[in-house]
Every structure is written in C-alpha cells, then in structure tokens.
N, C-alpha and C. Protein backbone atom coordinates (compact mmCIF):
# COMPACT_ATOMS: atom_id res chain seq x y z
N MET A 1 31.17 -90.73 -46.12
CA MET A 1 31.47 -90.86 -47.54
C MET A 1 30.16 -90.87 -48.31
N ASP A 2 30.11 -90.09 -49.37
CA ASP A 2 28.95 -90.02 -50.24
C ASP A 2 29.18 -90.93 -51.43
N ILE A 3 28.14 -91.68 -51.78
CA ILE A 3 28.25 -92.68 -52.85
C ILE A 3 27.10 -92.48 -53.83
N ILE A 4 27.44 -92.48 -55.12
CA ILE A 4 26.40 -92.55 -56.14
C ILE A 4 26.35 -94.00 -56.63
N PHE A 5 25.23 -94.38 -57.19
CA PHE A 5 25.13 -95.75 -57.69
C PHE A 5 24.41 -95.79 -59.02
N LEU A 6 24.78 -96.80 -59.80
CA LEU A 6 24.10 -97.13 -61.05
C LEU A 6 23.75 -98.61 -60.93
N HIS A 7 22.48 -98.94 -60.95
CA HIS A 7 22.05 -100.33 -60.81
C HIS A 7 21.28 -100.78 -62.05
N ASP A 8 21.41 -102.05 -62.33
CA ASP A 8 20.69 -102.68 -63.45
C ASP A 8 20.99 -102.05 -64.80
N PHE A 9 22.23 -101.64 -64.98
CA PHE A 9 22.71 -101.11 -66.27
C PHE A 9 22.93 -102.34 -67.16
N LYS A 10 22.12 -102.47 -68.19
CA LYS A 10 22.23 -103.62 -69.09
C LYS A 10 22.76 -103.17 -70.44
N ALA A 11 23.63 -104.00 -71.00
CA ALA A 11 24.22 -103.69 -72.30
C ALA A 11 24.64 -104.99 -72.97
N LYS A 12 24.75 -104.94 -74.29
CA LYS A 12 25.25 -106.08 -75.05
C LYS A 12 26.72 -105.82 -75.37
N THR A 13 27.54 -106.87 -75.23
CA THR A 13 28.96 -106.75 -75.53
C THR A 13 29.53 -108.12 -75.87
N LEU A 14 30.66 -108.11 -76.51
CA LEU A 14 31.38 -109.36 -76.79
C LEU A 14 32.27 -109.65 -75.58
N ILE A 15 32.03 -110.77 -74.93
CA ILE A 15 32.84 -111.15 -73.78
C ILE A 15 32.84 -112.66 -73.66
N GLY A 16 34.01 -113.21 -73.40
CA GLY A 16 34.09 -114.65 -73.18
C GLY A 16 35.32 -115.29 -73.78
N VAL A 17 35.53 -116.53 -73.40
CA VAL A 17 36.71 -117.27 -73.84
C VAL A 17 36.41 -118.23 -74.99
N TYR A 18 35.15 -118.58 -75.16
CA TYR A 18 34.79 -119.53 -76.21
C TYR A 18 34.66 -118.82 -77.56
N PRO A 19 34.96 -119.51 -78.65
CA PRO A 19 34.90 -118.88 -79.98
C PRO A 19 33.57 -118.20 -80.27
N TRP A 20 32.45 -118.83 -79.92
CA TRP A 20 31.15 -118.22 -80.21
C TRP A 20 30.96 -116.92 -79.43
N GLU A 21 31.59 -116.80 -78.26
CA GLU A 21 31.45 -115.59 -77.45
C GLU A 21 32.19 -114.39 -78.06
N ARG A 22 33.07 -114.68 -79.01
CA ARG A 22 33.81 -113.61 -79.67
C ARG A 22 33.05 -113.02 -80.87
N ILE A 23 31.91 -113.68 -81.21
CA ILE A 23 31.13 -113.18 -82.35
C ILE A 23 29.66 -112.91 -82.01
N VAL A 24 29.17 -113.46 -80.90
CA VAL A 24 27.78 -113.28 -80.50
C VAL A 24 27.72 -112.38 -79.26
N PRO A 25 27.19 -111.17 -79.40
CA PRO A 25 27.09 -110.29 -78.23
C PRO A 25 26.20 -110.92 -77.14
N GLN A 26 26.60 -110.72 -75.91
CA GLN A 26 25.84 -111.21 -74.76
C GLN A 26 25.37 -110.03 -73.93
N THR A 27 24.23 -110.21 -73.28
CA THR A 27 23.73 -109.18 -72.38
C THR A 27 24.43 -109.33 -71.03
N ILE A 28 24.97 -108.22 -70.55
CA ILE A 28 25.55 -108.19 -69.22
C ILE A 28 24.81 -107.16 -68.39
N GLN A 29 24.90 -107.31 -67.10
CA GLN A 29 24.33 -106.34 -66.18
C GLN A 29 25.46 -105.79 -65.32
N LEU A 30 25.49 -104.47 -65.21
CA LEU A 30 26.48 -103.79 -64.39
C LEU A 30 25.78 -103.10 -63.23
N ASP A 31 26.40 -103.16 -62.07
CA ASP A 31 25.97 -102.41 -60.90
C ASP A 31 27.22 -101.74 -60.35
N LEU A 32 27.16 -100.45 -60.14
CA LEU A 32 28.31 -99.70 -59.63
C LEU A 32 27.92 -98.86 -58.43
N GLU A 33 28.83 -98.78 -57.49
CA GLU A 33 28.77 -97.82 -56.40
C GLU A 33 30.07 -97.05 -56.48
N ILE A 34 29.97 -95.73 -56.48
CA ILE A 34 31.13 -94.88 -56.69
C ILE A 34 31.17 -93.82 -55.60
N ALA A 35 32.27 -93.79 -54.85
CA ALA A 35 32.44 -92.76 -53.82
C ALA A 35 32.75 -91.43 -54.49
N LEU A 36 32.12 -90.40 -54.01
CA LEU A 36 32.39 -89.07 -54.52
C LEU A 36 33.71 -88.55 -53.95
N PRO A 37 34.45 -87.81 -54.75
CA PRO A 37 35.71 -87.25 -54.25
C PRO A 37 35.52 -86.33 -53.04
N SER A 38 34.34 -85.68 -52.96
CA SER A 38 34.02 -84.83 -51.81
C SER A 38 32.50 -84.76 -51.68
N SER A 39 32.04 -84.20 -50.58
CA SER A 39 30.59 -84.03 -50.39
C SER A 39 30.15 -82.61 -50.76
N ARG A 40 31.01 -81.91 -51.44
CA ARG A 40 30.76 -80.51 -51.80
C ARG A 40 29.45 -80.32 -52.58
N ALA A 41 29.11 -81.24 -53.45
CA ALA A 41 27.89 -81.09 -54.26
C ALA A 41 26.63 -81.01 -53.39
N CYS A 42 26.67 -81.61 -52.22
CA CYS A 42 25.53 -81.56 -51.30
C CYS A 42 25.25 -80.13 -50.83
N GLN A 43 26.31 -79.34 -50.69
CA GLN A 43 26.15 -77.96 -50.25
C GLN A 43 25.93 -76.99 -51.41
N THR A 44 26.61 -77.23 -52.53
CA THR A 44 26.57 -76.25 -53.63
C THR A 44 25.45 -76.48 -54.62
N ASP A 45 24.97 -77.73 -54.71
CA ASP A 45 23.93 -78.08 -55.70
C ASP A 45 24.41 -77.75 -57.12
N ASP A 46 25.71 -77.97 -57.34
CA ASP A 46 26.34 -77.62 -58.61
C ASP A 46 26.93 -78.88 -59.25
N ILE A 47 26.58 -79.15 -60.49
CA ILE A 47 27.06 -80.35 -61.19
C ILE A 47 28.59 -80.40 -61.27
N HIS A 48 29.23 -79.26 -61.25
CA HIS A 48 30.70 -79.22 -61.32
C HIS A 48 31.34 -79.80 -60.06
N ASP A 49 30.57 -79.92 -58.98
CA ASP A 49 31.07 -80.50 -57.74
C ASP A 49 30.64 -81.96 -57.57
N ALA A 50 30.00 -82.49 -58.58
CA ALA A 50 29.46 -83.86 -58.52
C ALA A 50 30.08 -84.70 -59.64
N LEU A 51 29.75 -85.98 -59.63
CA LEU A 51 30.10 -86.85 -60.76
C LEU A 51 28.89 -86.90 -61.68
N ASP A 52 29.11 -86.70 -62.95
CA ASP A 52 28.03 -86.68 -63.93
C ASP A 52 27.70 -88.11 -64.34
N TYR A 53 26.53 -88.59 -63.94
CA TYR A 53 26.11 -89.96 -64.24
C TYR A 53 26.16 -90.25 -65.74
N ALA A 54 25.72 -89.30 -66.53
CA ALA A 54 25.66 -89.52 -67.98
C ALA A 54 27.06 -89.72 -68.57
N LEU A 55 28.04 -88.97 -68.07
CA LEU A 55 29.41 -89.15 -68.55
C LEU A 55 29.96 -90.52 -68.17
N ILE A 56 29.61 -90.98 -66.99
CA ILE A 56 30.05 -92.31 -66.55
C ILE A 56 29.44 -93.39 -67.43
N VAL A 57 28.14 -93.28 -67.69
CA VAL A 57 27.46 -94.26 -68.54
C VAL A 57 28.04 -94.23 -69.96
N ASP A 58 28.28 -93.05 -70.49
CA ASP A 58 28.87 -92.94 -71.83
C ASP A 58 30.25 -93.60 -71.87
N ARG A 59 31.05 -93.38 -70.84
CA ARG A 59 32.40 -93.95 -70.81
C ARG A 59 32.34 -95.46 -70.76
N ILE A 60 31.44 -96.01 -69.96
CA ILE A 60 31.29 -97.47 -69.86
C ILE A 60 30.80 -98.03 -71.19
N ASN A 61 29.83 -97.38 -71.82
CA ASN A 61 29.36 -97.83 -73.13
C ASN A 61 30.49 -97.84 -74.15
N ASN A 62 31.37 -96.85 -74.09
CA ASN A 62 32.52 -96.78 -74.98
C ASN A 62 33.44 -97.98 -74.75
N ILE A 63 33.68 -98.32 -73.51
CA ILE A 63 34.52 -99.49 -73.18
C ILE A 63 33.88 -100.76 -73.75
N LEU A 64 32.57 -100.92 -73.53
CA LEU A 64 31.88 -102.13 -73.97
C LEU A 64 31.85 -102.26 -75.49
N THR A 65 31.84 -101.14 -76.18
CA THR A 65 31.81 -101.14 -77.64
C THR A 65 33.19 -101.39 -78.26
N ASN A 66 34.23 -100.86 -77.65
CA ASN A 66 35.54 -100.83 -78.29
C ASN A 66 36.56 -101.83 -77.76
N LYS A 67 36.26 -102.52 -76.69
CA LYS A 67 37.22 -103.47 -76.15
C LYS A 67 36.57 -104.85 -76.02
N HIS A 68 37.39 -105.90 -76.14
CA HIS A 68 36.92 -107.25 -75.90
C HIS A 68 37.65 -107.81 -74.69
N PHE A 69 36.89 -108.42 -73.81
CA PHE A 69 37.46 -109.06 -72.63
C PHE A 69 37.09 -110.53 -72.66
N SER A 70 38.00 -111.35 -72.22
CA SER A 70 37.71 -112.77 -72.09
C SER A 70 36.96 -113.05 -70.80
N LEU A 71 37.34 -112.35 -69.74
CA LEU A 71 36.79 -112.62 -68.41
C LEU A 71 36.02 -111.44 -67.85
N LEU A 72 34.96 -111.75 -67.11
CA LEU A 72 34.22 -110.71 -66.41
C LEU A 72 35.13 -109.97 -65.43
N GLU A 73 36.07 -110.70 -64.83
CA GLU A 73 37.00 -110.11 -63.88
C GLU A 73 37.81 -108.99 -64.53
N ALA A 74 38.27 -109.22 -65.75
CA ALA A 74 39.07 -108.22 -66.46
C ALA A 74 38.21 -107.01 -66.84
N LEU A 75 36.99 -107.24 -67.25
CA LEU A 75 36.08 -106.13 -67.56
C LEU A 75 35.81 -105.31 -66.31
N ALA A 76 35.50 -105.96 -65.21
CA ALA A 76 35.24 -105.25 -63.95
C ALA A 76 36.45 -104.42 -63.54
N GLU A 77 37.65 -104.99 -63.65
CA GLU A 77 38.86 -104.27 -63.28
C GLU A 77 39.07 -103.04 -64.18
N HIS A 78 38.84 -103.20 -65.47
CA HIS A 78 39.02 -102.08 -66.40
C HIS A 78 38.04 -100.94 -66.07
N ILE A 79 36.80 -101.30 -65.81
CA ILE A 79 35.81 -100.28 -65.45
C ILE A 79 36.20 -99.60 -64.14
N ALA A 80 36.60 -100.39 -63.15
CA ALA A 80 36.99 -99.82 -61.85
C ALA A 80 38.15 -98.85 -62.00
N GLN A 81 39.18 -99.25 -62.74
CA GLN A 81 40.35 -98.38 -62.92
C GLN A 81 40.00 -97.12 -63.70
N THR A 82 39.08 -97.23 -64.65
CA THR A 82 38.62 -96.07 -65.41
C THR A 82 37.91 -95.08 -64.48
N ILE A 83 37.04 -95.57 -63.63
CA ILE A 83 36.30 -94.71 -62.70
C ILE A 83 37.27 -94.02 -61.73
N LEU A 84 38.23 -94.79 -61.20
CA LEU A 84 39.19 -94.22 -60.26
C LEU A 84 40.07 -93.15 -60.92
N SER A 85 40.56 -93.44 -62.11
CA SER A 85 41.51 -92.52 -62.73
C SER A 85 40.85 -91.35 -63.46
N GLU A 86 39.82 -91.62 -64.25
CA GLU A 86 39.23 -90.56 -65.06
C GLU A 86 38.23 -89.69 -64.30
N PHE A 87 37.58 -90.27 -63.30
CA PHE A 87 36.56 -89.52 -62.55
C PHE A 87 37.02 -89.17 -61.14
N HIS A 88 38.25 -89.56 -60.80
CA HIS A 88 38.88 -89.21 -59.53
C HIS A 88 38.10 -89.68 -58.31
N ALA A 89 37.39 -90.79 -58.46
CA ALA A 89 36.68 -91.37 -57.33
C ALA A 89 37.70 -92.05 -56.40
N PRO A 90 37.55 -91.92 -55.10
CA PRO A 90 38.49 -92.57 -54.19
C PRO A 90 38.23 -94.08 -54.03
N TRP A 91 37.01 -94.51 -54.34
CA TRP A 91 36.62 -95.91 -54.13
C TRP A 91 35.49 -96.25 -55.10
N VAL A 92 35.48 -97.51 -55.56
CA VAL A 92 34.42 -97.97 -56.46
C VAL A 92 34.16 -99.45 -56.21
N LYS A 93 32.91 -99.83 -56.32
CA LYS A 93 32.50 -101.24 -56.31
C LYS A 93 31.83 -101.51 -57.64
N VAL A 94 32.30 -102.53 -58.35
CA VAL A 94 31.78 -102.87 -59.67
C VAL A 94 31.31 -104.32 -59.67
N SER A 95 30.08 -104.53 -60.05
CA SER A 95 29.54 -105.89 -60.24
C SER A 95 29.22 -106.05 -61.72
N VAL A 96 29.67 -107.16 -62.29
CA VAL A 96 29.40 -107.47 -63.69
C VAL A 96 28.84 -108.88 -63.75
N ALA A 97 27.71 -109.05 -64.42
CA ALA A 97 27.08 -110.37 -64.51
C ALA A 97 26.63 -110.66 -65.93
N LYS A 98 26.78 -111.92 -66.32
CA LYS A 98 26.16 -112.40 -67.56
C LYS A 98 24.77 -112.88 -67.19
N LEU A 99 23.82 -112.64 -68.08
CA LEU A 99 22.42 -112.99 -67.82
C LEU A 99 22.01 -114.22 -68.61
N GLY A 100 21.45 -115.20 -67.92
CA GLY A 100 20.89 -116.37 -68.57
C GLY A 100 21.86 -117.18 -69.40
N ILE A 101 23.12 -117.19 -69.04
CA ILE A 101 24.13 -117.88 -69.84
C ILE A 101 24.19 -119.37 -69.53
N ILE A 102 23.81 -119.74 -68.31
CA ILE A 102 23.79 -121.15 -67.90
C ILE A 102 22.37 -121.51 -67.50
N ARG A 103 21.89 -122.60 -68.02
CA ARG A 103 20.52 -123.04 -67.74
C ARG A 103 20.30 -123.14 -66.22
N GLY A 104 19.22 -122.54 -65.78
CA GLY A 104 18.86 -122.59 -64.36
C GLY A 104 19.52 -121.52 -63.51
N VAL A 105 20.38 -120.70 -64.12
CA VAL A 105 21.05 -119.63 -63.38
C VAL A 105 20.64 -118.30 -64.03
N LYS A 106 19.97 -117.46 -63.25
CA LYS A 106 19.49 -116.18 -63.78
C LYS A 106 20.65 -115.27 -64.17
N LYS A 107 21.64 -115.15 -63.30
CA LYS A 107 22.83 -114.37 -63.63
C LYS A 107 24.01 -114.88 -62.83
N LEU A 108 25.19 -114.71 -63.42
CA LEU A 108 26.42 -115.09 -62.74
C LEU A 108 27.45 -114.03 -63.02
N GLY A 109 28.32 -113.80 -62.05
CA GLY A 109 29.27 -112.72 -62.27
C GLY A 109 30.30 -112.56 -61.19
N VAL A 110 30.82 -111.34 -61.13
CA VAL A 110 31.91 -111.00 -60.22
C VAL A 110 31.65 -109.61 -59.65
N ARG A 111 32.12 -109.41 -58.42
CA ARG A 111 32.03 -108.09 -57.78
C ARG A 111 33.40 -107.77 -57.21
N ILE A 112 33.90 -106.57 -57.55
CA ILE A 112 35.20 -106.15 -57.03
C ILE A 112 35.07 -104.77 -56.39
N GLU A 113 35.96 -104.48 -55.47
CA GLU A 113 36.08 -103.15 -54.88
C GLU A 113 37.51 -102.69 -55.06
N ARG A 114 37.69 -101.44 -55.42
CA ARG A 114 39.02 -100.88 -55.60
C ARG A 114 39.06 -99.48 -54.98
N GLY A 115 40.25 -99.08 -54.56
CA GLY A 115 40.44 -97.77 -53.96
C GLY A 115 40.31 -97.83 -52.46
N GLN A 116 40.24 -96.66 -51.84
CA GLN A 116 40.15 -96.54 -50.39
C GLN A 116 38.76 -96.08 -49.99
N ARG A 117 38.10 -96.92 -49.20
CA ARG A 117 36.77 -96.55 -48.70
C ARG A 117 36.97 -95.76 -47.42
N ARG A 118 36.50 -94.54 -47.43
CA ARG A 118 36.66 -93.66 -46.26
C ARG A 118 35.37 -93.58 -45.47
N GLY A 119 35.54 -93.43 -44.18
CA GLY A 119 34.55 -93.27 -43.15
C GLY A 119 33.16 -93.14 -43.49
C-alpha cells in the first residue's frame, strides 16, 4: 500500500465547547496519512494517477473555515470521511491536536483511522 502524508499542517479555527472557544480561533495541528487508491502513479509519473496534495490542503482549509466543531474527535471524523469519499482513498489516519491549550502540555489531541488498510 502506498501512502502520502501531510505532517505539521497548522491552521487557526474555531473549535471547542466553551463559549470563548466559539469566538477565539485556536491553532490546531493536523497530521494525515492517506492510502493511495492505487500505485499507478509510481509507474506513470502522472498527477492524474495520484492524489493532489494541494487539493487536499485546500479542502481541509475549507472545512476549517466554514464549519465549527465542538470536539477534536468530530473534526477528525469529518476530515477522514471527506478524504475517503471525495478523494477515494481506501484508508486514512487523521491526527488533530490543539497547541498550548493547557499549561504544561505542548499539544493534546486525537488520532483516528478509517477505511481498510491493505497489505
């Protein structure tokens, strides 16, 4: 199985259950591993046989701009389902973390895997 990854993707978004979290954007960090639908791009060297990283980043930025989530778990699930359905990936691992939100903790978050991981 061929996997692309995006690590240390940082963005500001409204996320949280507390009233202040609904008005003050917080920095989150995303890390994704995405299984390619096929390994064809390795042979063809053609972007049409690959997943376009820029399109994935744009789609995630759109989610972060236009939707509000109370929980990191819900955000991670939404991103995972978007990757599976819109980009036809068979498997995805999504990590979402808030940065510096609790004193003494550099980052805290959630990691989920969805889909079928093949050989």
